[in-house]
Amino acid sequence: MKTGYVVFAHGSRLEEANESVRAAASRMARDGGYELVDVAFLDCAPPDLSTTIGKLVDRGAGRVVVIPYFLTAGRHTSRDLPRIVEEASRIHKVRIDVTETLDGHPALGSILLQRARQS
């Protein structure tokens, strides 16, 4: 069974911000050797999560993993995302798992340290 991955971000009216998410997802796909990787946005930019999940299923995904591209857990990840995932799972008849947000990942401390040193 193939697994598809969705990098799920809030979305922005600034296309450069959305393109940054797309670039991160592309790097993840390339570096991880993942065939089925795409992005979705909660607000302000297409595609939405259900649309992206449908595209991955059409490309052969029997399971989808949603990776919230959110720094911390909040209303969107604790309320909106579970509701959207439940609905998308019913529509697309696919298992959908959701990872944790970026919060608490050990690399964040290293990133902050690097930014401080760059300043």
PDB file of N, CA and C in Angstrom:
ATOM      1  N   MET A   1       0.846  -1.182   0.000  1.00  0.00           N
ATOM      2  CA  MET A   1       0.000   0.000   0.000  1.00  0.00           C
ATOM      3  C   MET A   1       0.894   1.249   0.000  1.00  0.00           C
ATOM      4  N   LYS A   2       0.612   2.150  -0.906  1.00  0.00           N
ATOM      5  CA  LYS A   2       1.369   3.402  -0.977  1.00  0.00           C
ATOM      6  C   LYS A   2       0.842   4.385   0.063  1.00  0.00           C
ATOM      7  N   THR A   3       1.768   5.168   0.603  1.00  0.00           N
ATOM      8  CA  THR A   3       1.412   6.222   1.546  1.00  0.00           C
ATOM      9  C   THR A   3       1.650   7.569   0.885  1.00  0.00           C
ATOM     10  N   GLY A   4       0.659   8.441   0.980  1.00  0.00           N
ATOM     11  CA  GLY A   4       0.796   9.815   0.519  1.00  0.00           C
ATOM     12  C   GLY A   4       0.991  10.724   1.708  1.00  0.00           C
ATOM     13  N   TYR A   5       1.709  11.809   1.489  1.00  0.00           N
ATOM     14  CA  TYR A   5       2.002  12.769   2.555  1.00  0.00           C
ATOM     15  C   TYR A   5       1.499  14.146   2.152  1.00  0.00           C
ATOM     16  N   VAL A   6       0.849  14.808   3.101  1.00  0.00           N
ATOM     17  CA  VAL A   6       0.370  16.175   2.880  1.00  0.00           C
ATOM     18  C   VAL A   6       1.028  17.092   3.895  1.00  0.00           C
ATOM     19  N   VAL A   7       1.747  18.072   3.409  1.00  0.00           N
ATOM     20  CA  VAL A   7       2.260  19.138   4.269  1.00  0.00           C
ATOM     21  C   VAL A   7       1.134  20.171   4.326  1.00  0.00           C
ATOM     22  N   PHE A   8       0.541  20.303   5.511  1.00  0.00           N
ATOM     23  CA  PHE A   8      -0.665  21.102   5.691  1.00  0.00           C
ATOM     24  C   PHE A   8      -0.349  22.379   6.461  1.00  0.00           C
ATOM     25  N   ALA A   9      -0.504  23.511   5.795  1.00  0.00           N
ATOM     26  CA  ALA A   9      -0.186  24.810   6.393  1.00  0.00           C
ATOM     27  C   ALA A   9      -1.435  25.685   6.441  1.00  0.00           C
ATOM     28  N   HIS A  10      -1.323  26.800   7.146  1.00  0.00           N
ATOM     29  CA  HIS A  10      -2.450  27.725   7.243  1.00  0.00           C
ATOM     30  C   HIS A  10      -2.788  28.330   5.892  1.00  0.00           C
ATOM     31  N   GLY A  11      -1.768  28.761   5.172  1.00  0.00           N
ATOM     32  CA  GLY A  11      -1.996  29.470   3.911  1.00  0.00           C
ATOM     33  C   GLY A  11      -1.921  30.962   4.126  1.00  0.00           C
ATOM     34  N   SER A  12      -1.582  31.663   3.068  1.00  0.00           N
ATOM     35  CA  SER A  12      -1.387  33.106   3.160  1.00  0.00           C
ATOM     36  C   SER A  12      -1.867  33.779   1.890  1.00  0.00           C
ATOM     37  N   ARG A  13      -2.224  35.036   2.010  1.00  0.00           N
ATOM     38  CA  ARG A  13      -2.544  35.822   0.814  1.00  0.00           C
ATOM     39  C   ARG A  13      -1.264  36.192   0.064  1.00  0.00           C
ATOM     40  N   LEU A  14      -0.120  36.067   0.748  1.00  0.00           N
ATOM     41  CA  LEU A  14       1.172  36.318   0.112  1.00  0.00           C
ATOM     42  C   LEU A  14       1.658  35.019  -0.525  1.00  0.00           C
ATOM     43  N   GLU A  15       1.662  34.977  -1.839  1.00  0.00           N
ATOM     44  CA  GLU A  15       2.026  33.759  -2.544  1.00  0.00           C
ATOM     45  C   GLU A  15       3.439  33.289  -2.213  1.00  0.00           C
ATOM     46  N   GLU A  16       4.337  34.212  -1.884  1.00  0.00           N
ATOM     47  CA  GLU A  16       5.700  33.811  -1.521  1.00  0.00           C
ATOM     48  C   GLU A  16       5.686  32.896  -0.288  1.00  0.00           C
ATOM     49  N   ALA A  17       4.803  33.165   0.637  1.00  0.00           N
ATOM     50  CA  ALA A  17       4.701  32.337   1.837  1.00  0.00           C
ATOM     51  C   ALA A  17       4.204  30.938   1.482  1.00  0.00           C
ATOM     52  N   ASN A  18       3.220  30.850   0.607  1.00  0.00           N
ATOM     53  CA  ASN A  18       2.709  29.550   0.178  1.00  0.00           C
ATOM     54  C   ASN A  18       3.768  28.785  -0.612  1.00  0.00           C
ATOM     55  N   GLU A  19       4.530  29.497  -1.407  1.00  0.00           N
ATOM     56  CA  GLU A  19       5.594  28.862  -2.183  1.00  0.00           C
ATOM     57  C   GLU A  19       6.677  28.307  -1.264  1.00  0.00           C
ATOM     58  N   SER A  20       6.908  28.950  -0.144  1.00  0.00           N
ATOM     59  CA  SER A  20       7.870  28.451   0.833  1.00  0.00           C
ATOM     60  C   SER A  20       7.433  27.086   1.375  1.00  0.00           C
ATOM     61  N   VAL A  21       6.151  26.922   1.604  1.00  0.00           N
ATOM     62  CA  VAL A  21       5.616  25.634   2.064  1.00  0.00           C
ATOM     63  C   VAL A  21       5.789  24.584   0.965  1.00  0.00           C
ATOM     64  N   ARG A  22       5.497  24.957  -0.262  1.00  0.00           N
ATOM     65  CA  ARG A  22       5.673  24.027  -1.387  1.00  0.00           C
ATOM     66  C   ARG A  22       7.135  23.594  -1.520  1.00  0.00           C
ATOM     67  N   ALA A  23       8.037  24.535  -1.332  1.00  0.00           N
ATOM     68  CA  ALA A  23       9.467  24.222  -1.434  1.00  0.00           C
ATOM     69  C   ALA A  23       9.886  23.259  -0.319  1.00  0.00           C
ATOM     70  N   ALA A  24       9.385  23.472   0.889  1.00  0.00           N
ATOM     71  CA  ALA A  24       9.709  22.574   2.003  1.00  0.00           C
ATOM     72  C   ALA A  24       9.178  21.170   1.723  1.00  0.00           C
ATOM     73  N   ALA A  25       7.976  21.081   1.180  1.00  0.00           N
ATOM     74  CA  ALA A  25       7.404  19.773   0.842  1.00  0.00           C
ATOM     75  C   ALA A  25       8.208  19.091  -0.262  1.00  0.00           C
ATOM     76  N   SER A  26       8.659  19.854  -1.222  1.00  0.00           N
ATOM     77  CA  SER A  26       9.481  19.288  -2.300  1.00  0.00           C
ATOM     78  C   SER A  26      10.804  18.749  -1.757  1.00  0.00           C
ATOM     79  N   ARG A  27      11.421  19.497  -0.841  1.00  0.00           N
ATOM     80  CA  ARG A  27      12.670  19.020  -0.223  1.00  0.00           C
ATOM     81  C   ARG A  27      12.431  17.741   0.569  1.00  0.00           C
ATOM     82  N   MET A  28      11.312  17.695   1.290  1.00  0.00           N
ATOM     83  CA  MET A  28      10.976  16.503   2.053  1.00  0.00           C
ATOM     84  C   MET A  28      10.831  15.301   1.126  1.00  0.00           C
ATOM     85  N   ALA A  29      10.123  15.487   0.018  1.00  0.00           N
ATOM     86  CA  ALA A  29       9.916  14.398  -0.944  1.00  0.00           C
ATOM     87  C   ALA A  29      11.248  13.930  -1.522  1.00  0.00           C
ATOM     88  N   ARG A  30      12.048  14.880  -1.926  1.00  0.00           N
ATOM     89  CA  ARG A  30      13.348  14.553  -2.536  1.00  0.00           C
ATOM     90  C   ARG A  30      14.272  13.864  -1.537  1.00  0.00           C
ATOM     91  N   ASP A  31      14.442  14.472  -0.373  1.00  0.00           N
ATOM     92  CA  ASP A  31      15.384  13.943   0.616  1.00  0.00           C
ATOM     93  C   ASP A  31      14.916  12.617   1.223  1.00  0.00           C
ATOM     94  N   GLY A  32      13.597  12.431   1.321  1.00  0.00           N
ATOM     95  CA  GLY A  32      13.065  11.205   1.896  1.00  0.00           C
ATOM     96  C   GLY A  32      12.783  10.120   0.877  1.00  0.00           C
ATOM     97  N   GLY A  33      12.872  10.479  -0.399  1.00  0.00           N
ATOM     98  CA  GLY A  33      12.562   9.510  -1.442  1.00  0.00           C
ATOM     99  C   GLY A  33      11.079   9.162  -1.491  1.00  0.00           C
ATOM    100  N   TYR A  34      10.234  10.103  -1.089  1.00  0.00           N
ATOM    101  CA  TYR A  34       8.794   9.876  -1.077  1.00  0.00           C
ATOM    102  C   TYR A  34       8.199  10.258  -2.425  1.00  0.00           C
ATOM    103  N   GLU A  35       7.403   9.352  -2.980  1.00  0.00           N
ATOM    104  CA  GLU A  35       6.793   9.567  -4.291  1.00  0.00           C
ATOM    105  C   GLU A  35       5.562  10.464  -4.229  1.00  0.00           C
ATOM    106  N   LEU A  36       4.757  10.287  -3.201  1.00  0.00           N
ATOM    107  CA  LEU A  36       3.465  10.968  -3.119  1.00  0.00           C
ATOM    108  C   LEU A  36       3.476  12.026  -2.019  1.00  0.00           C
ATOM    109  N   VAL A  37       3.870  13.236  -2.375  1.00  0.00           N
ATOM    110  CA  VAL A  37       3.909  14.346  -1.422  1.00  0.00           C
ATOM    111  C   VAL A  37       3.240  15.543  -2.085  1.00  0.00           C
ATOM    112  N   ASP A  38       2.386  16.209  -1.335  1.00  0.00           N
ATOM    113  CA  ASP A  38       1.731  17.409  -1.852  1.00  0.00           C
ATOM    114  C   ASP A  38       1.459  18.347  -0.683  1.00  0.00           C
ATOM    115  N   VAL A  39       0.932  19.511  -0.977  1.00  0.00           N
ATOM    116  CA  VAL A  39       0.615  20.493   0.060  1.00  0.00           C
ATOM    117  C   VAL A  39      -0.873  20.788   0.053  1.00  0.00           C
ATOM    118  N   ALA A  40      -1.337  21.313   1.184  1.00  0.00           N
ATOM    119  CA  ALA A  40      -2.711  21.788   1.305  1.00  0.00           C
ATOM    120  C   ALA A  40      -2.712  22.949   2.283  1.00  0.00           C
ATOM    121  N   PHE A  41      -3.719  23.788   2.123  1.00  0.00           N
ATOM    122  CA  PHE A  41      -3.823  24.970   2.977  1.00  0.00           C
ATOM    123  C   PHE A  41      -5.198  25.039   3.629  1.00  0.00           C
ATOM    124  N   LEU A  42      -5.212  25.515   4.851  1.00  0.00           N
ATOM    125  CA  LEU A  42      -6.458  25.676   5.592  1.00  0.00           C
ATOM    126  C   LEU A  42      -7.251  26.861   5.072  1.00  0.00           C
ATOM    127  N   ASP A  43      -6.557  27.926   4.749  1.00  0.00           N
ATOM    128  CA  ASP A  43      -7.228  29.187   4.448  1.00  0.00           C
ATOM    129  C   ASP A  43      -6.380  30.008   3.476  1.00  0.00           C
ATOM    130  N   CYS A  44      -6.984  30.884   2.767  1.00  0.00           N
ATOM    131  CA  CYS A  44      -6.328  31.910   1.954  1.00  0.00           C
ATOM    132  C   CYS A  44      -5.721  31.416   0.640  1.00  0.00           C
ATOM    133  N   ALA A  45      -5.527  30.115   0.475  1.00  0.00           N
ATOM    134  CA  ALA A  45      -4.884  29.629  -0.749  1.00  0.00           C
ATOM    135  C   ALA A  45      -5.348  28.204  -1.042  1.00  0.00           C
ATOM    136  N   PRO A  46      -5.485  27.885  -2.312  1.00  0.00           N
ATOM    137  CA  PRO A  46      -5.788  26.499  -2.676  1.00  0.00           C
ATOM    138  C   PRO A  46      -4.500  25.691  -2.780  1.00  0.00           C
ATOM    139  N   PRO A  47      -4.595  24.397  -2.742  1.00  0.00           N
ATOM    140  CA  PRO A  47      -5.784  23.570  -2.556  1.00  0.00           C
ATOM    141  C   PRO A  47      -6.070  23.334  -1.079  1.00  0.00           C
ATOM    142  N   ASP A  48      -7.328  22.974  -0.797  1.00  0.00           N
ATOM    143  CA  ASP A  48      -7.663  22.622   0.579  1.00  0.00           C
ATOM    144  C   ASP A  48      -7.265  21.169   0.840  1.00  0.00           C
ATOM    145  N   LEU A  49      -7.369  20.745   2.078  1.00  0.00           N
ATOM    146  CA  LEU A  49      -6.881  19.432   2.480  1.00  0.00           C
ATOM    147  C   LEU A  49      -7.631  18.297   1.782  1.00  0.00           C
ATOM    148  N   SER A  50      -8.937  18.386   1.715  1.00  0.00           N
ATOM    149  CA  SER A  50      -9.711  17.313   1.091  1.00  0.00           C
ATOM    150  C   SER A  50      -9.355  17.157  -0.382  1.00  0.00           C
ATOM    151  N   THR A  51      -9.169  18.253  -1.076  1.00  0.00           N
ATOM    152  CA  THR A  51      -8.784  18.206  -2.494  1.00  0.00           C
ATOM    153  C   THR A  51      -7.443  17.517  -2.666  1.00  0.00           C
ATOM    154  N   THR A  52      -6.469  17.886  -1.834  1.00  0.00           N
ATOM    155  CA  THR A  52      -5.141  17.282  -1.929  1.00  0.00           C
ATOM    156  C   THR A  52      -5.189  15.795  -1.602  1.00  0.00           C
ATOM    157  N   ILE A  53      -5.944  15.425  -0.589  1.00  0.00           N
ATOM    158  CA  ILE A  53      -6.077  14.007  -0.248  1.00  0.00           C
ATOM    159  C   ILE A  53      -6.678  13.248  -1.425  1.00  0.00           C
ATOM    160  N   GLY A  54      -7.694  13.819  -2.048  1.00  0.00           N
ATOM    161  CA  GLY A  54      -8.302  13.180  -3.218  1.00  0.00           C
ATOM    162  C   GLY A  54      -7.303  12.971  -4.344  1.00  0.00           C
ATOM    163  N   LYS A  55      -6.440  13.943  -4.575  1.00  0.00           N
ATOM    164  CA  LYS A  55      -5.420  13.812  -5.624  1.00  0.00           C
ATOM    165  C   LYS A  55      -4.436  12.696  -5.291  1.00  0.00           C
ATOM    166  N   LEU A  56      -4.043  12.596  -4.022  1.00  0.00           N
ATOM    167  CA  LEU A  56      -3.112  11.541  -3.624  1.00  0.00           C
ATOM    168  C   LEU A  56      -3.756  10.159  -3.762  1.00  0.00           C
ATOM    169  N   VAL A  57      -5.026  10.050  -3.395  1.00  0.00           N
ATOM    170  CA  VAL A  57      -5.752   8.782  -3.552  1.00  0.00           C
ATOM    171  C   VAL A  57      -5.827   8.422  -5.035  1.00  0.00           C
ATOM    172  N   ASP A  58      -6.117   9.398  -5.880  1.00  0.00           N
ATOM    173  CA  ASP A  58      -6.167   9.161  -7.326  1.00  0.00           C
ATOM    174  C   ASP A  58      -4.824   8.687  -7.869  1.00  0.00           C
ATOM    175  N   ARG A  59      -3.742   9.089  -7.206  1.00  0.00           N
ATOM    176  CA  ARG A  59      -2.388   8.686  -7.629  1.00  0.00           C
ATOM    177  C   ARG A  59      -1.948   7.373  -6.973  1.00  0.00           C
ATOM    178  N   GLY A  60      -2.846   6.748  -6.215  1.00  0.00           N
ATOM    179  CA  GLY A  60      -2.549   5.431  -5.684  1.00  0.00           C
ATOM    180  C   GLY A  60      -2.331   5.320  -4.198  1.00  0.00           C
ATOM    181  N   ALA A  61      -2.506   6.394  -3.454  1.00  0.00           N
ATOM    182  CA  ALA A  61      -2.313   6.330  -2.000  1.00  0.00           C
ATOM    183  C   ALA A  61      -3.460   5.557  -1.359  1.00  0.00           C
ATOM    184  N   GLY A  62      -3.094   4.582  -0.539  1.00  0.00           N
ATOM    185  CA  GLY A  62      -4.076   3.845   0.243  1.00  0.00           C
ATOM    186  C   GLY A  62      -4.108   4.315   1.681  1.00  0.00           C
ATOM    187  N   ARG A  63      -3.184   5.164   2.004  1.00  0.00           N
ATOM    188  CA  ARG A  63      -3.069   5.781   3.328  1.00  0.00           C
ATOM    189  C   ARG A  63      -2.485   7.170   3.117  1.00  0.00           C
ATOM    190  N   VAL A  64      -2.940   8.130   3.922  1.00  0.00           N
ATOM    191  CA  VAL A  64      -2.427   9.493   3.825  1.00  0.00           C
ATOM    192  C   VAL A  64      -1.980   9.951   5.209  1.00  0.00           C
ATOM    193  N   VAL A  65      -0.801  10.554   5.249  1.00  0.00           N
ATOM    194  CA  VAL A  65      -0.285  11.136   6.485  1.00  0.00           C
ATOM    195  C   VAL A  65      -0.277  12.654   6.314  1.00  0.00           C
ATOM    196  N   VAL A  66      -0.947  13.334   7.220  1.00  0.00           N
ATOM    197  CA  VAL A  66      -0.992  14.792   7.210  1.00  0.00           C
ATOM    198  C   VAL A  66       0.040  15.298   8.205  1.00  0.00           C
ATOM    199  N   ILE A  67       0.922  16.155   7.732  1.00  0.00           N
ATOM    200  CA  ILE A  67       1.958  16.744   8.573  1.00  0.00           C
ATOM    201  C   ILE A  67       1.622  18.225   8.758  1.00  0.00           C
ATOM    202  N   PRO A  68       1.116  18.605   9.936  1.00  0.00           N
ATOM    203  CA  PRO A  68       0.758  20.007  10.154  1.00  0.00           C
ATOM    204  C   PRO A  68       2.009  20.889  10.180  1.00  0.00           C
ATOM    205  N   TYR A  69       2.078  21.812   9.259  1.00  0.00           N
ATOM    206  CA  TYR A  69       3.186  22.763   9.156  1.00  0.00           C
ATOM    207  C   TYR A  69       2.825  23.985  10.013  1.00  0.00           C
ATOM    208  N   PHE A  70       2.624  23.707  11.304  1.00  0.00           N
ATOM    209  CA  PHE A  70       2.262  24.718  12.284  1.00  0.00           C
ATOM    210  C   PHE A  70       3.296  24.634  13.390  1.00  0.00           C
ATOM    211  N   LEU A  71       3.754  25.764  13.863  1.00  0.00           N
ATOM    212  CA  LEU A  71       4.791  25.774  14.893  1.00  0.00           C
ATOM    213  C   LEU A  71       4.278  25.209  16.207  1.00  0.00           C
ATOM    214  N   THR A  72       3.067  25.567  16.592  1.00  0.00           N
ATOM    215  CA  THR A  72       2.505  25.084  17.853  1.00  0.00           C
ATOM    216  C   THR A  72       1.085  24.571  17.626  1.00  0.00           C
ATOM    217  N   ALA A  73       0.620  23.795  18.587  1.00  0.00           N
ATOM    218  CA  ALA A  73      -0.764  23.335  18.551  1.00  0.00           C
ATOM    219  C   ALA A  73      -1.665  24.504  18.931  1.00  0.00           C
ATOM    220  N   GLY A  74      -2.785  24.579  18.297  1.00  0.00           N
ATOM    221  CA  GLY A  74      -3.742  25.643  18.576  1.00  0.00           C
ATOM    222  C   GLY A  74      -5.110  25.238  18.059  1.00  0.00           C
ATOM    223  N   ARG A  75      -5.977  26.212  17.922  1.00  0.00           N
ATOM    224  CA  ARG A  75      -7.351  25.955  17.498  1.00  0.00           C
ATOM    225  C   ARG A  75      -7.415  25.234  16.156  1.00  0.00           C
ATOM    226  N   HIS A  76      -6.592  25.652  15.215  1.00  0.00           N
ATOM    227  CA  HIS A  76      -6.645  25.036  13.890  1.00  0.00           C
ATOM    228  C   HIS A  76      -6.247  23.569  13.925  1.00  0.00           C
ATOM    229  N   THR A  77      -5.222  23.238  14.719  1.00  0.00           N
ATOM    230  CA  THR A  77      -4.766  21.846  14.748  1.00  0.00           C
ATOM    231  C   THR A  77      -5.568  20.987  15.724  1.00  0.00           C
ATOM    232  N   SER A  78      -6.157  21.596  16.735  1.00  0.00           N
ATOM    233  CA  SER A  78      -6.898  20.788  17.708  1.00  0.00           C
ATOM    234  C   SER A  78      -8.392  20.689  17.391  1.00  0.00           C
ATOM    235  N   ARG A  79      -8.947  21.648  16.657  1.00  0.00           N
ATOM    236  CA  ARG A  79     -10.381  21.614  16.339  1.00  0.00           C
ATOM    237  C   ARG A  79     -10.646  21.466  14.847  1.00  0.00           C
ATOM    238  N   ASP A  80     -10.066  22.361  14.064  1.00  0.00           N
ATOM    239  CA  ASP A  80     -10.372  22.366  12.628  1.00  0.00           C
ATOM    240  C   ASP A  80      -9.823  21.131  11.921  1.00  0.00           C
ATOM    241  N   LEU A  81      -8.568  20.822  12.166  1.00  0.00           N
ATOM    242  CA  LEU A  81      -7.934  19.717  11.455  1.00  0.00           C
ATOM    243  C   LEU A  81      -8.627  18.374  11.706  1.00  0.00           C
ATOM    244  N   PRO A  82      -8.946  17.988  12.942  1.00  0.00           N
ATOM    245  CA  PRO A  82      -9.640  16.702  13.137  1.00  0.00           C
ATOM    246  C   PRO A  82     -10.978  16.634  12.398  1.00  0.00           C
ATOM    247  N   ARG A  83     -11.704  17.740  12.377  1.00  0.00           N
ATOM    248  CA  ARG A  83     -12.986  17.774  11.680  1.00  0.00           C
ATOM    249  C   ARG A  83     -12.794  17.585  10.171  1.00  0.00           C
ATOM    250  N   ILE A  84     -11.815  18.276   9.613  1.00  0.00           N
ATOM    251  CA  ILE A  84     -11.545  18.179   8.182  1.00  0.00           C
ATOM    252  C   ILE A  84     -11.071  16.774   7.814  1.00  0.00           C
ATOM    253  N   VAL A  85     -10.211  16.198   8.652  1.00  0.00           N
ATOM    254  CA  VAL A  85      -9.686  14.850   8.395  1.00  0.00           C
ATOM    255  C   VAL A  85     -10.810  13.819   8.436  1.00  0.00           C
ATOM    256  N   GLU A  86     -11.680  13.932   9.421  1.00  0.00           N
ATOM    257  CA  GLU A  86     -12.800  12.989   9.518  1.00  0.00           C
ATOM    258  C   GLU A  86     -13.672  13.046   8.267  1.00  0.00           C
ATOM    259  N   GLU A  87     -13.985  14.246   7.825  1.00  0.00           N
ATOM    260  CA  GLU A  87     -14.811  14.416   6.629  1.00  0.00           C
ATOM    261  C   GLU A  87     -14.097  13.890   5.381  1.00  0.00           C
ATOM    262  N   ALA A  88     -12.810  14.196   5.241  1.00  0.00           N
ATOM    263  CA  ALA A  88     -12.047  13.745   4.068  1.00  0.00           C
ATOM    264  C   ALA A  88     -11.922  12.233   4.042  1.00  0.00           C
ATOM    265  N   SER A  89     -11.785  11.621   5.208  1.00  0.00           N
ATOM    266  CA  SER A  89     -11.687  10.169   5.297  1.00  0.00           C
ATOM    267  C   SER A  89     -12.973   9.508   4.796  1.00  0.00           C
ATOM    268  N   ARG A  90     -14.104  10.088   5.159  1.00  0.00           N
ATOM    269  CA  ARG A  90     -15.398   9.568   4.686  1.00  0.00           C
ATOM    270  C   ARG A  90     -15.546   9.738   3.177  1.00  0.00           C
ATOM    271  N   ILE A  91     -15.185  10.896   2.690  1.00  0.00           N
ATOM    272  CA  ILE A  91     -15.340  11.196   1.259  1.00  0.00           C
ATOM    273  C   ILE A  91     -14.437  10.317   0.406  1.00  0.00           C
ATOM    274  N   HIS A  92     -13.179  10.207   0.797  1.00  0.00           N
ATOM    275  CA  HIS A  92     -12.180   9.544  -0.050  1.00  0.00           C
ATOM    276  C   HIS A  92     -11.935   8.082   0.327  1.00  0.00           C
ATOM    277  N   LYS A  93     -12.591   7.605   1.411  1.00  0.00           N
ATOM    278  CA  LYS A  93     -12.482   6.199   1.819  1.00  0.00           C
ATOM    279  C   LYS A  93     -11.025   5.778   1.988  1.00  0.00           C
ATOM    280  N   VAL A  94     -10.287   6.564   2.757  1.00  0.00           N
ATOM    281  CA  VAL A  94      -8.866   6.306   2.956  1.00  0.00           C
ATOM    282  C   VAL A  94      -8.512   6.530   4.426  1.00  0.00           C
ATOM    283  N   ARG A  95      -7.529   5.789   4.886  1.00  0.00           N
ATOM    284  CA  ARG A  95      -7.015   6.006   6.245  1.00  0.00           C
ATOM    285  C   ARG A  95      -6.150   7.255   6.236  1.00  0.00           C
ATOM    286  N   ILE A  96      -6.400   8.152   7.187  1.00  0.00           N
ATOM    287  CA  ILE A  96      -5.639   9.394   7.299  1.00  0.00           C
ATOM    288  C   ILE A  96      -5.081   9.486   8.714  1.00  0.00           C
ATOM    289  N   ASP A  97      -3.769   9.587   8.810  1.00  0.00           N
ATOM    290  CA  ASP A  97      -3.100   9.793  10.088  1.00  0.00           C
ATOM    291  C   ASP A  97      -2.545  11.209  10.118  1.00  0.00           C
ATOM    292  N   VAL A  98      -2.487  11.781  11.298  1.00  0.00           N
ATOM    293  CA  VAL A  98      -1.990  13.146  11.471  1.00  0.00           C
ATOM    294  C   VAL A  98      -0.820  13.121  12.442  1.00  0.00           C
ATOM    295  N   THR A  99       0.297  13.732  12.049  1.00  0.00           N
ATOM    296  CA  THR A  99       1.456  13.816  12.931  1.00  0.00           C
ATOM    297  C   THR A  99       1.283  14.991  13.900  1.00  0.00           C
ATOM    298  N   GLU A 100       2.223  15.111  14.800  1.00  0.00           N
ATOM    299  CA  GLU A 100       2.248  16.261  15.698  1.00  0.00           C
ATOM    300  C   GLU A 100       2.658  17.511  14.913  1.00  0.00           C
ATOM    301  N   THR A 101       2.417  18.667  15.503  1.00  0.00           N
ATOM    302  CA  THR A 101       2.912  19.914  14.929  1.00  0.00           C
ATOM    303  C   THR A 101       4.429  19.955  15.092  1.00  0.00           C
ATOM    304  N   LEU A 102       5.041  21.015  14.647  1.00  0.00           N
ATOM    305  CA  LEU A 102       6.490  21.158  14.754  1.00  0.00           C
ATOM    306  C   LEU A 102       6.942  21.434  16.190  1.00  0.00           C
ATOM    307  N   ASP A 103       6.030  21.860  17.027  1.00  0.00           N
ATOM    308  CA  ASP A 103       6.328  22.209  18.416  1.00  0.00           C
ATOM    309  C   ASP A 103       7.007  21.059  19.149  1.00  0.00           C
ATOM    310  N   GLY A 104       8.066  21.358  19.852  1.00  0.00           N
ATOM    311  CA  GLY A 104       8.753  20.367  20.657  1.00  0.00           C
ATOM    312  C   GLY A 104       9.801  19.556  19.917  1.00  0.00           C
ATOM    313  N   HIS A 105       9.895  19.739  18.618  1.00  0.00           N
ATOM    314  CA  HIS A 105      10.892  18.986  17.864  1.00  0.00           C
ATOM    315  C   HIS A 105      12.286  19.499  18.236  1.00  0.00           C
ATOM    316  N   PRO A 106      13.253  18.595  18.467  1.00  0.00           N
ATOM    317  CA  PRO A 106      14.582  19.022  18.902  1.00  0.00           C
ATOM    318  C   PRO A 106      15.298  19.947  17.918  1.00  0.00           C
ATOM    319  N   ALA A 107      14.958  19.890  16.657  1.00  0.00           N
ATOM    320  CA  ALA A 107      15.617  20.754  15.677  1.00  0.00           C
ATOM    321  C   ALA A 107      15.258  22.228  15.879  1.00  0.00           C
ATOM    322  N   LEU A 108      14.137  22.509  16.521  1.00  0.00           N
ATOM    323  CA  LEU A 108      13.735  23.911  16.699  1.00  0.00           C
ATOM    324  C   LEU A 108      14.736  24.681  17.553  1.00  0.00           C
ATOM    325  N   GLY A 109      15.243  24.058  18.592  1.00  0.00           N
ATOM    326  CA  GLY A 109      16.251  24.721  19.421  1.00  0.00           C
ATOM    327  C   GLY A 109      17.501  25.031  18.620  1.00  0.00           C
ATOM    328  N   SER A 110      17.900  24.101  17.770  1.00  0.00           N
ATOM    329  CA  SER A 110      19.068  24.321  16.910  1.00  0.00           C
ATOM    330  C   SER A 110      18.825  25.452  15.924  1.00  0.00           C
ATOM    331  N   ILE A 111      17.635  25.507  15.406  1.00  0.00           N
ATOM    332  CA  ILE A 111      17.295  26.574  14.451  1.00  0.00           C
ATOM    333  C   ILE A 111      17.344  27.932  15.147  1.00  0.00           C
ATOM    334  N   LEU A 112      16.776  28.028  16.345  1.00  0.00           N
ATOM    335  CA  LEU A 112      16.818  29.290  17.087  1.00  0.00           C
ATOM    336  C   LEU A 112      18.250  29.700  17.393  1.00  0.00           C
ATOM    337  N   LEU A 113      19.053  28.741  17.779  1.00  0.00           N
ATOM    338  CA  LEU A 113      20.454  29.020  18.065  1.00  0.00           C
ATOM    339  C   LEU A 113      21.173  29.513  16.813  1.00  0.00           C
ATOM    340  N   GLN A 114      20.912  28.896  15.696  1.00  0.00           N
ATOM    341  CA  GLN A 114      21.525  29.315  14.433  1.00  0.00           C
ATOM    342  C   GLN A 114      21.100  30.740  14.066  1.00  0.00           C
ATOM    343  N   ARG A 115      19.815  31.039  14.225  1.00  0.00           N
ATOM    344  CA  ARG A 115      19.348  32.396  13.931  1.00  0.00           C
ATOM    345  C   ARG A 115      19.989  33.422  14.857  1.00  0.00           C
ATOM    346  N   ALA A 116      20.117  33.071  16.129  1.00  0.00           N
ATOM    347  CA  ALA A 116      20.760  33.994  17.082  1.00  0.00           C
ATOM    348  C   ALA A 116      22.202  34.234  16.690  1.00  0.00           C
ATOM    349  N   ARG A 117      22.901  33.210  16.297  1.00  0.00           N
ATOM    350  CA  ARG A 117      24.316  33.363  15.898  1.00  0.00           C
ATOM    351  C   ARG A 117      24.445  34.156  14.605  1.00  0.00           C
ATOM    352  N   GLN A 118      23.467  34.035  13.729  1.00  0.00           N
ATOM    353  CA  GLN A 118      23.497  34.784  12.463  1.00  0.00           C
ATOM    354  C   GLN A 118      23.277  36.274  12.686  1.00  0.00           C
ATOM    355  N   SER A 119      22.657  36.602  13.803  1.00  0.00           N
ATOM    356  CA  SER A 119      22.354  38.011  14.040  1.00  0.00           C
ATOM    357  C   SER A 119      23.590  38.751  14.512  1.00  0.00           C
TER     358      SER A 119
END
